[in-house]
Amino acid sequence: GLFMSIGTSGNVYPAAGFVEAVRHYGMGHTVELNLEPSS
């Protein structure tokens, strides 16, 4: 229902694709908590 991504660069797969997976399933809200915007 909620996907939180914390402290990751967004450069390393498959983890970098998790947000797209959540969006694909269409159920969860997504939030990035980071020092600066990831890739």
Full PDB file with SEQRES, HELIX, SHEET, SSBOND, CRYST1, ORIGX, SCALE, CONECT and MASTER records, all heavy atoms in Angstrom:
SEQRES   1 A   39  GLY LEU PHE MET SER ILE GLY THR SER GLY ASN VAL TYR          
SEQRES   2 A   39  PRO ALA ALA GLY PHE VAL GLU ALA VAL ARG HIS TYR GLY          
SEQRES   3 A   39  MET GLY HIS THR VAL GLU LEU ASN LEU GLU PRO SER SER          
HELIX    1 AA1 ALA A   15  GLY A   17  5                                   3    
HELIX    2 AA2 PHE A   18  TYR A   25  1                                   8    
SHEET    1 AA1 2 LEU A   2  ILE A   6  0                                        
SHEET    2 AA1 2 HIS A  29  LEU A  33  1                                        
CRYST1    1.000    1.000    1.000  90.00  90.00  90.00 P 1           1          
ORIGX1      1.000000  0.000000  0.000000        0.00000                         
ORIGX2      0.000000  1.000000  0.000000        0.00000                         
ORIGX3      0.000000  0.000000  1.000000        0.00000                         
SCALE1      1.000000  0.000000  0.000000        0.00000                         
SCALE2      0.000000  1.000000  0.000000        0.00000                         
SCALE3      0.000000  0.000000  1.000000        0.00000                         
ATOM      1  N   GLY A   1       0.822  -1.204   0.000  1.00  0.00           N  
ATOM      2  CA  GLY A   1       0.000   0.000   0.000  1.00  0.00           C  
ATOM      3  C   GLY A   1       0.854   1.250   0.000  1.00  0.00           C  
ATOM      4  O   GLY A   1       0.423   2.330  -0.397  1.00  0.00           O  
ATOM      5  N   LEU A   2       2.092   1.111   0.467  1.00  0.00           N  
ATOM      6  CA  LEU A   2       3.061   2.199   0.469  1.00  0.00           C  
ATOM      7  C   LEU A   2       4.431   1.615   0.203  1.00  0.00           C  
ATOM      8  O   LEU A   2       4.821   0.616   0.821  1.00  0.00           O  
ATOM      9  CB  LEU A   2       3.066   2.924   1.820  1.00  0.00           C  
ATOM     10  CG  LEU A   2       4.189   3.950   2.058  1.00  0.00           C  
ATOM     11  CD1 LEU A   2       4.081   5.111   1.080  1.00  0.00           C  
ATOM     12  CD2 LEU A   2       4.167   4.458   3.501  1.00  0.00           C  
ATOM     13  N   PHE A   3       5.166   2.239  -0.717  1.00  0.00           N  
ATOM     14  CA  PHE A   3       6.551   1.864  -0.989  1.00  0.00           C  
ATOM     15  C   PHE A   3       7.429   3.051  -0.680  1.00  0.00           C  
ATOM     16  O   PHE A   3       7.264   4.135  -1.240  1.00  0.00           O  
ATOM     17  CB  PHE A   3       6.729   1.443  -2.447  1.00  0.00           C  
ATOM     18  CG  PHE A   3       8.174   1.210  -2.835  1.00  0.00           C  
ATOM     19  CD1 PHE A   3       8.876   0.145  -2.307  1.00  0.00           C  
ATOM     20  CD2 PHE A   3       8.821   2.075  -3.718  1.00  0.00           C  
ATOM     21  CE1 PHE A   3      10.212  -0.066  -2.643  1.00  0.00           C  
ATOM     22  CE2 PHE A   3      10.144   1.865  -4.074  1.00  0.00           C  
ATOM     23  CZ  PHE A   3      10.841   0.796  -3.532  1.00  0.00           C  
ATOM     24  N   MET A   4       8.383   2.858   0.238  1.00  0.00           N  
ATOM     25  CA  MET A   4       9.319   3.900   0.628  1.00  0.00           C  
ATOM     26  C   MET A   4      10.723   3.517   0.174  1.00  0.00           C  
ATOM     27  O   MET A   4      11.184   2.410   0.457  1.00  0.00           O  
ATOM     28  CB  MET A   4       9.310   4.079   2.153  1.00  0.00           C  
ATOM     29  CG  MET A   4       7.972   4.438   2.739  1.00  0.00           C  
ATOM     30  SD  MET A   4       7.901   4.198   4.546  1.00  0.00           S  
ATOM     31  CE  MET A   4       9.192   5.319   5.105  1.00  0.00           C  
ATOM     32  N   SER A   5      11.393   4.410  -0.516  1.00  0.00           N  
ATOM     33  CA  SER A   5      12.787   4.185  -0.933  1.00  0.00           C  
ATOM     34  C   SER A   5      13.659   5.174  -0.183  1.00  0.00           C  
ATOM     35  O   SER A   5      13.465   6.391  -0.285  1.00  0.00           O  
ATOM     36  CB  SER A   5      12.929   4.378  -2.438  1.00  0.00           C  
ATOM     37  OG  SER A   5      14.278   4.226  -2.844  1.00  0.00           O  
ATOM     38  N   ILE A   6      14.621   4.651   0.584  1.00  0.00           N  
ATOM     39  CA  ILE A   6      15.403   5.486   1.496  1.00  0.00           C  
ATOM     40  C   ILE A   6      16.901   5.311   1.245  1.00  0.00           C  
ATOM     41  O   ILE A   6      17.426   4.199   1.301  1.00  0.00           O  
ATOM     42  CB  ILE A   6      15.097   5.117   2.965  1.00  0.00           C  
ATOM     43  CG1 ILE A   6      13.605   5.283   3.262  1.00  0.00           C  
ATOM     44  CG2 ILE A   6      15.932   5.964   3.914  1.00  0.00           C  
ATOM     45  CD1 ILE A   6      13.191   4.723   4.611  1.00  0.00           C  
ATOM     46  N   GLY A   7      17.573   6.406   0.946  1.00  0.00           N  
ATOM     47  CA  GLY A   7      19.031   6.402   0.891  1.00  0.00           C  
ATOM     48  C   GLY A   7      19.628   5.557  -0.209  1.00  0.00           C  
ATOM     49  O   GLY A   7      20.702   4.970  -0.019  1.00  0.00           O  
ATOM     50  N   THR A   8      18.981   5.515  -1.366  1.00  0.00           N  
ATOM     51  CA  THR A   8      19.516   4.706  -2.462  1.00  0.00           C  
ATOM     52  C   THR A   8      19.679   5.566  -3.714  1.00  0.00           C  
ATOM     53  O   THR A   8      18.888   6.479  -3.964  1.00  0.00           O  
ATOM     54  CB  THR A   8      18.627   3.487  -2.743  1.00  0.00           C  
ATOM     55  OG1 THR A   8      19.177   2.721  -3.813  1.00  0.00           O  
ATOM     56  CG2 THR A   8      17.207   3.887  -3.076  1.00  0.00           C  
ATOM     57  N   SER A   9      20.694   5.248  -4.492  1.00  0.00           N  
ATOM     58  CA  SER A   9      21.045   6.075  -5.655  1.00  0.00           C  
ATOM     59  C   SER A   9      20.106   5.876  -6.834  1.00  0.00           C  
ATOM     60  O   SER A   9      20.016   6.728  -7.713  1.00  0.00           O  
ATOM     61  CB  SER A   9      22.476   5.760  -6.105  1.00  0.00           C  
ATOM     62  OG  SER A   9      22.555   4.420  -6.587  1.00  0.00           O  
ATOM     63  N   GLY A  10      19.420   4.741  -6.865  1.00  0.00           N  
ATOM     64  CA  GLY A  10      18.566   4.448  -8.009  1.00  0.00           C  
ATOM     65  C   GLY A  10      19.328   3.981  -9.227  1.00  0.00           C  
ATOM     66  O   GLY A  10      18.778   3.943 -10.335  1.00  0.00           O  
ATOM     67  N   ASN A  11      20.587   3.586  -9.037  1.00  0.00           N  
ATOM     68  CA  ASN A  11      21.422   3.153 -10.161  1.00  0.00           C  
ATOM     69  C   ASN A  11      21.563   1.643 -10.279  1.00  0.00           C  
ATOM     70  O   ASN A  11      22.016   1.145 -11.312  1.00  0.00           O  
ATOM     71  CB  ASN A  11      22.830   3.751 -10.029  1.00  0.00           C  
ATOM     72  CG  ASN A  11      22.848   5.249 -10.270  1.00  0.00           C  
ATOM     73  OD1 ASN A  11      22.192   5.730 -11.174  1.00  0.00           O  
ATOM     74  ND2 ASN A  11      23.591   5.980  -9.449  1.00  0.00           N  
ATOM     75  N   VAL A  12      21.232   0.915  -9.220  1.00  0.00           N  
ATOM     76  CA  VAL A  12      21.509  -0.517  -9.178  1.00  0.00           C  
ATOM     77  C   VAL A  12      20.216  -1.315  -9.336  1.00  0.00           C  
ATOM     78  O   VAL A  12      19.284  -1.166  -8.540  1.00  0.00           O  
ATOM     79  CB  VAL A  12      22.195  -0.907  -7.849  1.00  0.00           C  
ATOM     80  CG1 VAL A  12      22.478  -2.404  -7.814  1.00  0.00           C  
ATOM     81  CG2 VAL A  12      23.494  -0.123  -7.669  1.00  0.00           C  
ATOM     82  N   TYR A  13      20.166  -2.123 -10.373  1.00  0.00           N  
ATOM     83  CA  TYR A  13      19.002  -2.986 -10.602  1.00  0.00           C  
ATOM     84  C   TYR A  13      19.276  -4.371 -10.029  1.00  0.00           C  
ATOM     85  O   TYR A  13      20.422  -4.774  -9.911  1.00  0.00           O  
ATOM     86  CB  TYR A  13      18.717  -3.070 -12.108  1.00  0.00           C  
ATOM     87  CG  TYR A  13      18.036  -1.831 -12.631  1.00  0.00           C  
ATOM     88  CD1 TYR A  13      18.779  -0.718 -12.993  1.00  0.00           C  
ATOM     89  CD2 TYR A  13      16.645  -1.774 -12.727  1.00  0.00           C  
ATOM     90  CE1 TYR A  13      18.152   0.436 -13.451  1.00  0.00           C  
ATOM     91  CE2 TYR A  13      16.017  -0.622 -13.195  1.00  0.00           C  
ATOM     92  CZ  TYR A  13      16.778   0.465 -13.549  1.00  0.00           C  
ATOM     93  OH  TYR A  13      16.143   1.598 -13.993  1.00  0.00           O  
ATOM     94  N   PRO A  14      18.218  -5.082  -9.613  1.00  0.00           N  
ATOM     95  CA  PRO A  14      16.807  -4.788  -9.821  1.00  0.00           C  
ATOM     96  C   PRO A  14      16.175  -3.818  -8.844  1.00  0.00           C  
ATOM     97  O   PRO A  14      15.042  -3.390  -9.047  1.00  0.00           O  
ATOM     98  CB  PRO A  14      16.165  -6.169  -9.680  1.00  0.00           C  
ATOM     99  CG  PRO A  14      17.041  -6.894  -8.728  1.00  0.00           C  
ATOM    100  CD  PRO A  14      18.433  -6.447  -9.048  1.00  0.00           C  
ATOM    101  N   ALA A  15      16.864  -3.419  -7.770  1.00  0.00           N  
ATOM    102  CA  ALA A  15      16.243  -2.549  -6.767  1.00  0.00           C  
ATOM    103  C   ALA A  15      15.747  -1.241  -7.367  1.00  0.00           C  
ATOM    104  O   ALA A  15      14.697  -0.718  -6.961  1.00  0.00           O  
ATOM    105  CB  ALA A  15      17.232  -2.275  -5.633  1.00  0.00           C  
ATOM    106  N   ALA A  16      16.476  -0.703  -8.343  1.00  0.00           N  
ATOM    107  CA  ALA A  16      16.078   0.561  -8.951  1.00  0.00           C  
ATOM    108  C   ALA A  16      14.736   0.456  -9.671  1.00  0.00           C  
ATOM    109  O   ALA A  16      14.075   1.472  -9.908  1.00  0.00           O  
ATOM    110  CB  ALA A  16      17.159   1.029  -9.923  1.00  0.00           C  
ATOM    111  N   GLY A  17      14.324  -0.753  -9.999  1.00  0.00           N  
ATOM    112  CA  GLY A  17      13.056  -0.950 -10.694  1.00  0.00           C  
ATOM    113  C   GLY A  17      11.880  -1.220  -9.779  1.00  0.00           C  
ATOM    114  O   GLY A  17      10.749  -1.384 -10.247  1.00  0.00           O  
ATOM    115  N   PHE A  18      12.102  -1.232  -8.463  1.00  0.00           N  
ATOM    116  CA  PHE A  18      11.007  -1.561  -7.543  1.00  0.00           C  
ATOM    117  C   PHE A  18       9.879  -0.541  -7.607  1.00  0.00           C  
ATOM    118  O   PHE A  18       8.703  -0.897  -7.514  1.00  0.00           O  
ATOM    119  CB  PHE A  18      11.528  -1.667  -6.113  1.00  0.00           C  
ATOM    120  CG  PHE A  18      12.366  -2.884  -5.829  1.00  0.00           C  
ATOM    121  CD1 PHE A  18      12.957  -3.064  -4.582  1.00  0.00           C  
ATOM    122  CD2 PHE A  18      12.580  -3.861  -6.801  1.00  0.00           C  
ATOM    123  CE1 PHE A  18      13.725  -4.179  -4.309  1.00  0.00           C  
ATOM    124  CE2 PHE A  18      13.358  -4.983  -6.545  1.00  0.00           C  
ATOM    125  CZ  PHE A  18      13.926  -5.135  -5.289  1.00  0.00           C  
ATOM    126  N   VAL A  19      10.213   0.738  -7.731  1.00  0.00           N  
ATOM    127  CA  VAL A  19       9.163   1.758  -7.772  1.00  0.00           C  
ATOM    128  C   VAL A  19       8.278   1.569  -8.994  1.00  0.00           C  
ATOM    129  O   VAL A  19       7.051   1.711  -8.922  1.00  0.00           O  
ATOM    130  CB  VAL A  19       9.769   3.178  -7.732  1.00  0.00           C  
ATOM    131  CG1 VAL A  19      10.683   3.442  -8.939  1.00  0.00           C  
ATOM    132  CG2 VAL A  19       8.657   4.222  -7.667  1.00  0.00           C  
ATOM    133  N   GLU A  20       8.875   1.196 -10.121  1.00  0.00           N  
ATOM    134  CA  GLU A  20       8.076   0.945 -11.328  1.00  0.00           C  
ATOM    135  C   GLU A  20       7.210  -0.292 -11.157  1.00  0.00           C  
ATOM    136  O   GLU A  20       6.087  -0.353 -11.663  1.00  0.00           O  
ATOM    137  CB  GLU A  20       8.991   0.797 -12.543  1.00  0.00           C  
ATOM    138  CG  GLU A  20       9.740   2.064 -12.923  1.00  0.00           C  
ATOM    139  CD  GLU A  20       8.826   3.159 -13.463  1.00  0.00           C  
ATOM    140  OE1 GLU A  20       7.608   2.920 -13.613  1.00  0.00           O  
ATOM    141  OE2 GLU A  20       9.346   4.259 -13.734  1.00  0.00           O  
ATOM    142  N   ALA A  21       7.718  -1.288 -10.436  1.00  0.00           N  
ATOM    143  CA  ALA A  21       6.920  -2.491 -10.173  1.00  0.00           C  
ATOM    144  C   ALA A  21       5.686  -2.144  -9.352  1.00  0.00           C  
ATOM    145  O   ALA A  21       4.578  -2.610  -9.645  1.00  0.00           O  
ATOM    146  CB  ALA A  21       7.763  -3.538  -9.447  1.00  0.00           C  
ATOM    147  N   VAL A  22       5.850  -1.320  -8.333  1.00  0.00           N  
ATOM    148  CA  VAL A  22       4.707  -0.907  -7.510  1.00  0.00           C  
ATOM    149  C   VAL A  22       3.708  -0.119  -8.353  1.00  0.00           C  
ATOM    150  O   VAL A  22       2.490  -0.323  -8.252  1.00  0.00           O  
ATOM    151  CB  VAL A  22       5.181  -0.081  -6.299  1.00  0.00           C  
ATOM    152  CG1 VAL A  22       3.989   0.475  -5.528  1.00  0.00           C  
ATOM    153  CG2 VAL A  22       6.057  -0.925  -5.385  1.00  0.00           C  
ATOM    154  N   ARG A  23       4.208   0.759  -9.181  1.00  0.00           N  
ATOM    155  CA  ARG A  23       3.318   1.531 -10.064  1.00  0.00           C  
ATOM    156  C   ARG A  23       2.596   0.618 -11.043  1.00  0.00           C  
ATOM    157  O   ARG A  23       1.418   0.832 -11.362  1.00  0.00           O  
ATOM    158  CB  ARG A  23       4.125   2.588 -10.822  1.00  0.00           C  
ATOM    159  CG  ARG A  23       4.660   3.697  -9.930  1.00  0.00           C  
ATOM    160  CD  ARG A  23       5.463   4.715 -10.716  1.00  0.00           C  
ATOM    161  NE  ARG A  23       4.680   5.301 -11.807  1.00  0.00           N  
ATOM    162  CZ  ARG A  23       5.125   6.237 -12.613  1.00  0.00           C  
ATOM    163  NH1 ARG A  23       6.365   6.701 -12.484  1.00  0.00           N  
ATOM    164  NH2 ARG A  23       4.381   6.728 -13.570  1.00  0.00           N  
ATOM    165  N   HIS A  24       3.286  -0.415 -11.519  1.00  0.00           N  
ATOM    166  CA  HIS A  24       2.671  -1.357 -12.456  1.00  0.00           C  
ATOM    167  C   HIS A  24       1.496  -2.080 -11.807  1.00  0.00           C  
ATOM    168  O   HIS A  24       0.442  -2.251 -12.427  1.00  0.00           O  
ATOM    169  CB  HIS A  24       3.710  -2.371 -12.917  1.00  0.00           C  
ATOM    170  CG  HIS A  24       3.144  -3.510 -13.709  1.00  0.00           C  
ATOM    171  ND1 HIS A  24       2.740  -3.387 -15.019  1.00  0.00           N  
ATOM    172  CD2 HIS A  24       2.903  -4.814 -13.361  1.00  0.00           C  
ATOM    173  CE1 HIS A  24       2.272  -4.544 -15.453  1.00  0.00           C  
ATOM    174  NE2 HIS A  24       2.363  -5.419 -14.471  1.00  0.00           N  
ATOM    175  N   TYR A  25       1.684  -2.500 -10.555  1.00  0.00           N  
ATOM    176  CA  TYR A  25       0.599  -3.191  -9.868  1.00  0.00           C  
ATOM    177  C   TYR A  25      -0.530  -2.234  -9.516  1.00  0.00           C  
ATOM    178  O   TYR A  25      -1.674  -2.659  -9.336  1.00  0.00           O  
ATOM    179  CB  TYR A  25       1.124  -3.882  -8.608  1.00  0.00           C  
ATOM    180  CG  TYR A  25       2.100  -5.001  -8.904  1.00  0.00           C  
ATOM    181  CD1 TYR A  25       3.402  -4.972  -8.395  1.00  0.00           C  
ATOM    182  CD2 TYR A  25       1.723  -6.077  -9.701  1.00  0.00           C  
ATOM    183  CE1 TYR A  25       4.300  -5.996  -8.676  1.00  0.00           C  
ATOM    184  CE2 TYR A  25       2.621  -7.103  -9.986  1.00  0.00           C  
ATOM    185  CZ  TYR A  25       3.902  -7.053  -9.465  1.00  0.00           C  
ATOM    186  OH  TYR A  25       4.786  -8.063  -9.752  1.00  0.00           O  
ATOM    187  N   GLY A  26      -0.219  -0.941  -9.412  1.00  0.00           N  
ATOM    188  CA  GLY A  26      -1.252   0.070  -9.283  1.00  0.00           C  
ATOM    189  C   GLY A  26      -1.895   0.208  -7.926  1.00  0.00           C  
ATOM    190  O   GLY A  26      -2.921   0.890  -7.799  1.00  0.00           O  
ATOM    191  N   MET A  27      -1.320  -0.403  -6.897  1.00  0.00           N  
ATOM    192  CA  MET A  27      -1.966  -0.386  -5.587  1.00  0.00           C  
ATOM    193  C   MET A  27      -1.310   0.583  -4.604  1.00  0.00           C  
ATOM    194  O   MET A  27      -1.969   1.081  -3.694  1.00  0.00           O  
ATOM    195  CB  MET A  27      -1.930  -1.795  -4.972  1.00  0.00           C  
ATOM    196  CG  MET A  27      -2.747  -2.826  -5.698  1.00  0.00           C  
ATOM    197  SD  MET A  27      -2.619  -4.440  -4.884  1.00  0.00           S  
ATOM    198  CE  MET A  27      -3.248  -4.054  -3.249  1.00  0.00           C  
ATOM    199  N   GLY A  28      -0.029   0.846  -4.758  1.00  0.00           N  
ATOM    200  CA  GLY A  28       0.709   1.511  -3.694  1.00  0.00           C  
ATOM    201  C   GLY A  28       1.082   2.956  -3.985  1.00  0.00           C  
ATOM    202  O   GLY A  28       1.351   3.339  -5.127  1.00  0.00           O  
ATOM    203  N   HIS A  29       1.129   3.743  -2.927  1.00  0.00           N  
ATOM    204  CA  HIS A  29       1.696   5.083  -2.966  1.00  0.00           C  
ATOM    205  C   HIS A  29       3.216   4.942  -2.882  1.00  0.00           C  
ATOM    206  O   HIS A  29       3.724   4.046  -2.204  1.00  0.00           O  
ATOM    207  CB  HIS A  29       1.175   5.896  -1.785  1.00  0.00           C  
ATOM    208  CG  HIS A  29       1.699   7.298  -1.741  1.00  0.00           C  
ATOM    209  ND1 HIS A  29       1.362   8.244  -2.679  1.00  0.00           N  
ATOM    210  CD2 HIS A  29       2.546   7.916  -0.863  1.00  0.00           C  
ATOM    211  CE1 HIS A  29       1.967   9.384  -2.392  1.00  0.00           C  
ATOM    212  NE2 HIS A  29       2.703   9.211  -1.292  1.00  0.00           N  
ATOM    213  N   THR A  30       3.946   5.811  -3.559  1.00  0.00           N  
ATOM    214  CA  THR A  30       5.406   5.709  -3.592  1.00  0.00           C  
ATOM    215  C   THR A  30       6.039   7.000  -3.093  1.00  0.00           C  
ATOM    216  O   THR A  30       5.603   8.099  -3.454  1.00  0.00           O  
ATOM    217  CB  THR A  30       5.922   5.395  -5.012  1.00  0.00           C  
ATOM    218  OG1 THR A  30       5.497   6.429  -5.915  1.00  0.00           O  
ATOM    219  CG2 THR A  30       5.387   4.054  -5.499  1.00  0.00           C  
ATOM    220  N   VAL A  31       7.076   6.870  -2.278  1.00  0.00           N  
ATOM    221  CA  VAL A  31       7.761   8.049  -1.751  1.00  0.00           C  
ATOM    222  C   VAL A  31       9.267   7.799  -1.706  1.00  0.00           C  
ATOM    223  O   VAL A  31       9.720   6.713  -1.356  1.00  0.00           O  
ATOM    224  CB  VAL A  31       7.230   8.419  -0.347  1.00  0.00           C  
ATOM    225  CG1 VAL A  31       7.380   7.251   0.632  1.00  0.00           C  
ATOM    226  CG2 VAL A  31       7.921   9.661   0.194  1.00  0.00           C  
ATOM    227  N   GLU A  32      10.014   8.799  -2.104  1.00  0.00           N  
ATOM    228  CA  GLU A  32      11.472   8.756  -2.026  1.00  0.00           C  
ATOM    229  C   GLU A  32      11.934   9.655  -0.886  1.00  0.00           C  
ATOM    230  O   GLU A  32      11.593  10.841  -0.846  1.00  0.00           O  
ATOM    231  CB  GLU A  32      12.104   9.212  -3.337  1.00  0.00           C  
ATOM    232  CG  GLU A  32      13.633   9.308  -3.262  1.00  0.00           C  
ATOM    233  CD  GLU A  32      14.289   9.528  -4.603  1.00  0.00           C  
ATOM    234  OE1 GLU A  32      14.384  10.701  -5.036  1.00  0.00           O  
ATOM    235  OE2 GLU A  32      14.700   8.525  -5.218  1.00  0.00           O  
ATOM    236  N   LEU A  33      12.705   9.070   0.035  1.00  0.00           N  
ATOM    237  CA  LEU A  33      13.328   9.807   1.138  1.00  0.00           C  
ATOM    238  C   LEU A  33      14.829   9.693   0.938  1.00  0.00           C  
ATOM    239  O   LEU A  33      15.408   8.622   1.117  1.00  0.00           O  
ATOM    240  CB  LEU A  33      12.910   9.216   2.492  1.00  0.00           C  
ATOM    241  CG  LEU A  33      11.404   9.106   2.742  1.00  0.00           C  
ATOM    242  CD1 LEU A  33      11.137   8.384   4.055  1.00  0.00           C  
ATOM    243  CD2 LEU A  33      10.756  10.480   2.758  1.00  0.00           C  
ATOM    244  N   ASN A  34      15.458  10.785   0.576  1.00  0.00           N  
ATOM    245  CA  ASN A  34      16.854  10.692   0.149  1.00  0.00           C  
ATOM    246  C   ASN A  34      17.573  12.004   0.432  1.00  0.00           C  
ATOM    247  O   ASN A  34      16.936  13.046   0.658  1.00  0.00           O  
ATOM    248  CB  ASN A  34      16.914  10.385  -1.353  1.00  0.00           C  
ATOM    249  CG  ASN A  34      18.042   9.446  -1.723  1.00  0.00           C  
ATOM    250  OD1 ASN A  34      18.864   9.067  -0.889  1.00  0.00           O  
ATOM    251  ND2 ASN A  34      18.098   9.054  -2.983  1.00  0.00           N  
ATOM    252  N   LEU A  35      18.894  11.950   0.421  1.00  0.00           N  
ATOM    253  CA  LEU A  35      19.675  13.166   0.600  1.00  0.00           C  
ATOM    254  C   LEU A  35      19.471  14.113  -0.573  1.00  0.00           C  
ATOM    255  O   LEU A  35      19.422  15.340  -0.415  1.00  0.00           O  
ATOM    256  CB  LEU A  35      21.154  12.817   0.761  1.00  0.00           C  
ATOM    257  CG  LEU A  35      22.095  13.965   1.127  1.00  0.00           C  
ATOM    258  CD1 LEU A  35      21.706  14.574   2.471  1.00  0.00           C  
ATOM    259  CD2 LEU A  35      23.540  13.474   1.164  1.00  0.00           C  
ATOM    260  N   GLU A  36      19.341  13.537  -1.765  1.00  0.00           N  
ATOM    261  CA  GLU A  36      19.096  14.300  -2.991  1.00  0.00           C  
ATOM    262  C   GLU A  36      18.348  13.403  -3.952  1.00  0.00           C  
ATOM    263  O   GLU A  36      18.263  12.194  -3.742  1.00  0.00           O  
ATOM    264  CB  GLU A  36      20.425  14.755  -3.607  1.00  0.00           C  
ATOM    265  CG  GLU A  36      21.370  13.623  -3.921  1.00  0.00           C  
ATOM    266  CD  GLU A  36      22.754  14.095  -4.316  1.00  0.00           C  
ATOM    267  OE1 GLU A  36      23.129  15.231  -3.964  1.00  0.00           O  
ATOM    268  OE2 GLU A  36      23.460  13.326  -4.988  1.00  0.00           O  
ATOM    269  N   PRO A  37      17.747  13.967  -5.011  1.00  0.00           N  
ATOM    270  CA  PRO A  37      16.989  13.129  -5.945  1.00  0.00           C  
ATOM    271  C   PRO A  37      17.841  12.010  -6.535  1.00  0.00           C  
ATOM    272  O   PRO A  37      18.978  12.226  -6.944  1.00  0.00           O  
ATOM    273  CB  PRO A  37      16.547  14.120  -7.022  1.00  0.00           C  
ATOM    274  CG  PRO A  37      16.500  15.442  -6.317  1.00  0.00           C  
ATOM    275  CD  PRO A  37      17.648  15.408  -5.335  1.00  0.00           C  
ATOM    276  N   SER A  38      17.272  10.808  -6.554  1.00  0.00           N  
ATOM    277  CA  SER A  38      17.969   9.666  -7.143  1.00  0.00           C  
ATOM    278  C   SER A  38      17.802   9.675  -8.660  1.00  0.00           C  
ATOM    279  O   SER A  38      17.092  10.529  -9.214  1.00  0.00           O  
ATOM    280  CB  SER A  38      17.395   8.363  -6.578  1.00  0.00           C  
ATOM    281  OG  SER A  38      16.079   8.161  -7.089  1.00  0.00           O  
ATOM    282  N   SER A  39      18.420   8.701  -9.308  1.00  0.00           N  
ATOM    283  CA  SER A  39      18.287   8.593 -10.766  1.00  0.00           C  
ATOM    284  C   SER A  39      16.845   8.339 -11.190  1.00  0.00           C  
ATOM    285  O   SER A  39      16.445   8.692 -12.288  1.00  0.00           O  
ATOM    286  CB  SER A  39      19.190   7.471 -11.287  1.00  0.00           C  
ATOM    287  OG  SER A  39      20.542   7.761 -11.040  1.00  0.00           O  
TER     288      SER A  39                                                      
MASTER        0    0    0    2    2    0    0    6  287    1    0    3          
END                                                                             
